[in-house]
Amino acid sequence: MPTKINEYGAVTVVTTNDEIGGESLALFKDKVDKLFEKGGHQLILDCSELAGVDSEGLEYLLDLQDQCEEHLGALKICGASEALATILRITRLDRRFELFGDIDEAVKSFG
């Protein structure tokens, strides 16, 4: 799973062009969990290149959000496709995650 990591001060942006779920989930978890261990508790998931998310992937994102909040951080989502935004709305997860149009908006929200 090609995953890009970019730092914007204390904020870490994670971009993936694969699916968060299925066989790809373990690789994604490994990369993000390593970031978390290094103190990356202010995370942005850039979904502009995301192929998809399954229910197991959504569950992992909820767990990650809880972990971030326990360390006074947050997991925010930007660049969600219309399909992903609909999934988040239907599952009411749009109430758990802050959604932003692009990375700049999401990074500024941590200010």
C-alpha atoms as a PDB file:
ATOM      1  CA  MET A   1       0.000   0.000   0.000  1.00  0.00           C
ATOM      2  CA  PRO A   2       1.683   3.226  -1.081  1.00  0.00           C
ATOM      3  CA  THR A   3       1.216   5.591   1.832  1.00  0.00           C
ATOM      4  CA  LYS A   4       2.697   9.080   1.966  1.00  0.00           C
ATOM      5  CA  ILE A   5       3.481  10.797   5.238  1.00  0.00           C
ATOM      6  CA  ASN A   6       3.935  14.579   5.420  1.00  0.00           C
ATOM      7  CA  GLU A   7       4.591  16.702   8.477  1.00  0.00           C
ATOM      8  CA  TYR A   8       3.119  20.174   8.923  1.00  0.00           C
ATOM      9  CA  GLY A   9       4.579  21.228  12.245  1.00  0.00           C
ATOM     10  CA  ALA A  10       2.945  19.039  14.885  1.00  0.00           C
ATOM     11  CA  VAL A  11       0.339  17.769  12.415  1.00  0.00           C
ATOM     12  CA  THR A  12       0.925  14.589  10.413  1.00  0.00           C
ATOM     13  CA  VAL A  13      -0.878  14.047   7.114  1.00  0.00           C
ATOM     14  CA  VAL A  14      -1.322  10.467   5.942  1.00  0.00           C
ATOM     15  CA  THR A  15      -2.273   9.935   2.283  1.00  0.00           C
ATOM     16  CA  THR A  16      -2.955   6.520   0.790  1.00  0.00           C
ATOM     17  CA  ASN A  17      -4.111   5.527  -2.658  1.00  0.00           C
ATOM     18  CA  ASP A  18      -5.200   2.037  -1.659  1.00  0.00           C
ATOM     19  CA  GLU A  19      -8.185   0.758   0.280  1.00  0.00           C
ATOM     20  CA  ILE A  20      -8.381   1.006   4.057  1.00  0.00           C
ATOM     21  CA  GLY A  21      -9.706  -2.457   4.616  1.00  0.00           C
ATOM     22  CA  GLY A  22      -9.303  -6.029   3.492  1.00  0.00           C
ATOM     23  CA  GLU A  23      -5.737  -7.190   3.012  1.00  0.00           C
ATOM     24  CA  SER A  24      -4.452  -3.605   2.820  1.00  0.00           C
ATOM     25  CA  LEU A  25      -5.611  -2.742   6.327  1.00  0.00           C
ATOM     26  CA  ALA A  26      -2.756  -4.491   8.149  1.00  0.00           C
ATOM     27  CA  LEU A  27      -0.134  -2.511   6.208  1.00  0.00           C
ATOM     28  CA  PHE A  28      -1.984   0.751   6.758  1.00  0.00           C
ATOM     29  CA  LYS A  29      -2.351   0.040  10.493  1.00  0.00           C
ATOM     30  CA  ASP A  30       1.353  -0.737  10.781  1.00  0.00           C
ATOM     31  CA  LYS A  31       2.391   2.584   9.222  1.00  0.00           C
ATOM     32  CA  VAL A  32      -0.078   4.665  11.215  1.00  0.00           C
ATOM     33  CA  ASP A  33       0.614   2.856  14.484  1.00  0.00           C
ATOM     34  CA  LYS A  34       4.347   3.615  14.078  1.00  0.00           C
ATOM     35  CA  LEU A  35       3.513   7.302  13.618  1.00  0.00           C
ATOM     36  CA  PHE A  36       1.340   7.193  16.711  1.00  0.00           C
ATOM     37  CA  GLU A  37       4.128   5.614  18.766  1.00  0.00           C
ATOM     38  CA  LYS A  38       6.427   8.491  17.741  1.00  0.00           C
ATOM     39  CA  GLY A  39       3.955  10.988  19.203  1.00  0.00           C
ATOM     40  CA  GLY A  40       1.854  11.738  16.131  1.00  0.00           C
ATOM     41  CA  HIS A  41      -1.458  12.369  17.864  1.00  0.00           C
ATOM     42  CA  GLN A  42      -2.645  15.130  15.542  1.00  0.00           C
ATOM     43  CA  LEU A  43      -3.422  13.220  12.380  1.00  0.00           C
ATOM     44  CA  ILE A  44      -5.103  14.067   9.120  1.00  0.00           C
ATOM     45  CA  LEU A  45      -6.209  11.320   6.781  1.00  0.00           C
ATOM     46  CA  ASP A  46      -6.053  12.712   3.252  1.00  0.00           C
ATOM     47  CA  CYS A  47      -8.651  10.710   1.313  1.00  0.00           C
ATOM     48  CA  SER A  48      -8.179  12.492  -2.020  1.00  0.00           C
ATOM     49  CA  GLU A  49      -6.474   9.392  -3.477  1.00  0.00           C
ATOM     50  CA  LEU A  50      -8.243   6.756  -1.346  1.00  0.00           C
ATOM     51  CA  ALA A  51      -9.599   3.730  -3.236  1.00  0.00           C
ATOM     52  CA  GLY A  52     -12.177   2.836  -0.568  1.00  0.00           C
ATOM     53  CA  VAL A  53     -12.909   1.945   3.047  1.00  0.00           C
ATOM     54  CA  ASP A  54     -14.681  -1.129   4.351  1.00  0.00           C
ATOM     55  CA  SER A  55     -16.380  -1.639   7.712  1.00  0.00           C
ATOM     56  CA  GLU A  56     -13.216  -2.983   9.330  1.00  0.00           C
ATOM     57  CA  GLY A  57     -11.330   0.079   8.082  1.00  0.00           C
ATOM     58  CA  LEU A  58     -13.969   2.410   9.539  1.00  0.00           C
ATOM     59  CA  GLU A  59     -13.732   0.561  12.853  1.00  0.00           C
ATOM     60  CA  TYR A  60      -9.950   1.038  12.854  1.00  0.00           C
ATOM     61  CA  LEU A  61     -10.345   4.769  12.155  1.00  0.00           C
ATOM     62  CA  LEU A  62     -12.729   5.047  15.115  1.00  0.00           C
ATOM     63  CA  ASP A  63     -10.226   3.255  17.349  1.00  0.00           C
ATOM     64  CA  LEU A  64      -7.457   5.532  16.093  1.00  0.00           C
ATOM     65  CA  GLN A  65      -9.602   8.603  16.776  1.00  0.00           C
ATOM     66  CA  ASP A  66     -10.143   7.379  20.348  1.00  0.00           C
ATOM     67  CA  GLN A  67      -6.386   6.853  20.801  1.00  0.00           C
ATOM     68  CA  CYS A  68      -5.640  10.335  19.478  1.00  0.00           C
ATOM     69  CA  GLU A  69      -8.206  11.902  21.806  1.00  0.00           C
ATOM     70  CA  GLU A  70      -6.732  10.047  24.789  1.00  0.00           C
ATOM     71  CA  HIS A  71      -3.470  11.886  24.016  1.00  0.00           C
ATOM     72  CA  LEU A  72      -5.232  15.250  23.486  1.00  0.00           C
ATOM     73  CA  GLY A  73      -5.031  14.970  19.711  1.00  0.00           C
ATOM     74  CA  ALA A  74      -7.501  14.209  16.951  1.00  0.00           C
ATOM     75  CA  LEU A  75      -7.934  12.374  13.673  1.00  0.00           C
ATOM     76  CA  LYS A  76      -9.443  14.577  10.970  1.00  0.00           C
ATOM     77  CA  ILE A  77     -10.393  13.669   7.421  1.00  0.00           C
ATOM     78  CA  CYS A  78      -9.910  15.736   4.283  1.00  0.00           C
ATOM     79  CA  GLY A  79     -10.503  15.240   0.594  1.00  0.00           C
ATOM     80  CA  ALA A  80     -13.273  12.674   1.038  1.00  0.00           C
ATOM     81  CA  SER A  81     -14.965  11.603  -2.172  1.00  0.00           C
ATOM     82  CA  GLU A  82     -18.705  11.974  -2.500  1.00  0.00           C
ATOM     83  CA  ALA A  83     -19.050   8.210  -1.947  1.00  0.00           C
ATOM     84  CA  LEU A  84     -16.985   8.285   1.261  1.00  0.00           C
ATOM     85  CA  ALA A  85     -18.815  11.366   2.541  1.00  0.00           C
ATOM     86  CA  THR A  86     -22.108   9.535   1.942  1.00  0.00           C
ATOM     87  CA  ILE A  87     -20.877   6.462   3.831  1.00  0.00           C
ATOM     88  CA  LEU A  88     -19.790   8.635   6.748  1.00  0.00           C
ATOM     89  CA  ARG A  89     -23.128  10.455   6.744  1.00  0.00           C
ATOM     90  CA  ILE A  90     -25.222   7.253   6.550  1.00  0.00           C
ATOM     91  CA  THR A  91     -23.245   5.623   9.372  1.00  0.00           C
ATOM     92  CA  ARG A  92     -23.330   8.925  11.285  1.00  0.00           C
ATOM     93  CA  LEU A  93     -19.560   8.850  11.538  1.00  0.00           C
ATOM     94  CA  ASP A  94     -19.515  12.373  10.142  1.00  0.00           C
ATOM     95  CA  ARG A  95     -20.423  13.314  13.725  1.00  0.00           C
ATOM     96  CA  ARG A  96     -17.245  11.666  15.031  1.00  0.00           C
ATOM     97  CA  PHE A  97     -14.779  13.012  12.473  1.00  0.00           C
ATOM     98  CA  GLU A  98     -14.212  16.563  11.378  1.00  0.00           C
ATOM     99  CA  LEU A  99     -14.318  16.663   7.583  1.00  0.00           C
ATOM    100  CA  PHE A 100     -12.429  19.217   5.482  1.00  0.00           C
ATOM    101  CA  GLY A 101     -12.209  19.923   1.777  1.00  0.00           C
ATOM    102  CA  ASP A 102      -8.424  19.971   1.609  1.00  0.00           C
ATOM    103  CA  ILE A 103      -5.233  19.549   3.604  1.00  0.00           C
ATOM    104  CA  ASP A 104      -4.723  23.271   4.234  1.00  0.00           C
ATOM    105  CA  GLU A 105      -8.142  23.640   5.870  1.00  0.00           C
ATOM    106  CA  ALA A 106      -7.553  20.558   8.007  1.00  0.00           C
ATOM    107  CA  VAL A 107      -4.073  21.656   9.136  1.00  0.00           C
ATOM    108  CA  LYS A 108      -5.339  25.145  10.052  1.00  0.00           C
ATOM    109  CA  SER A 109      -8.096  23.588  12.175  1.00  0.00           C
ATOM    110  CA  PHE A 110      -5.454  22.360  14.634  1.00  0.00           C
ATOM    111  CA  GLY A 111      -4.254  25.956  15.132  1.00  0.00           C
END
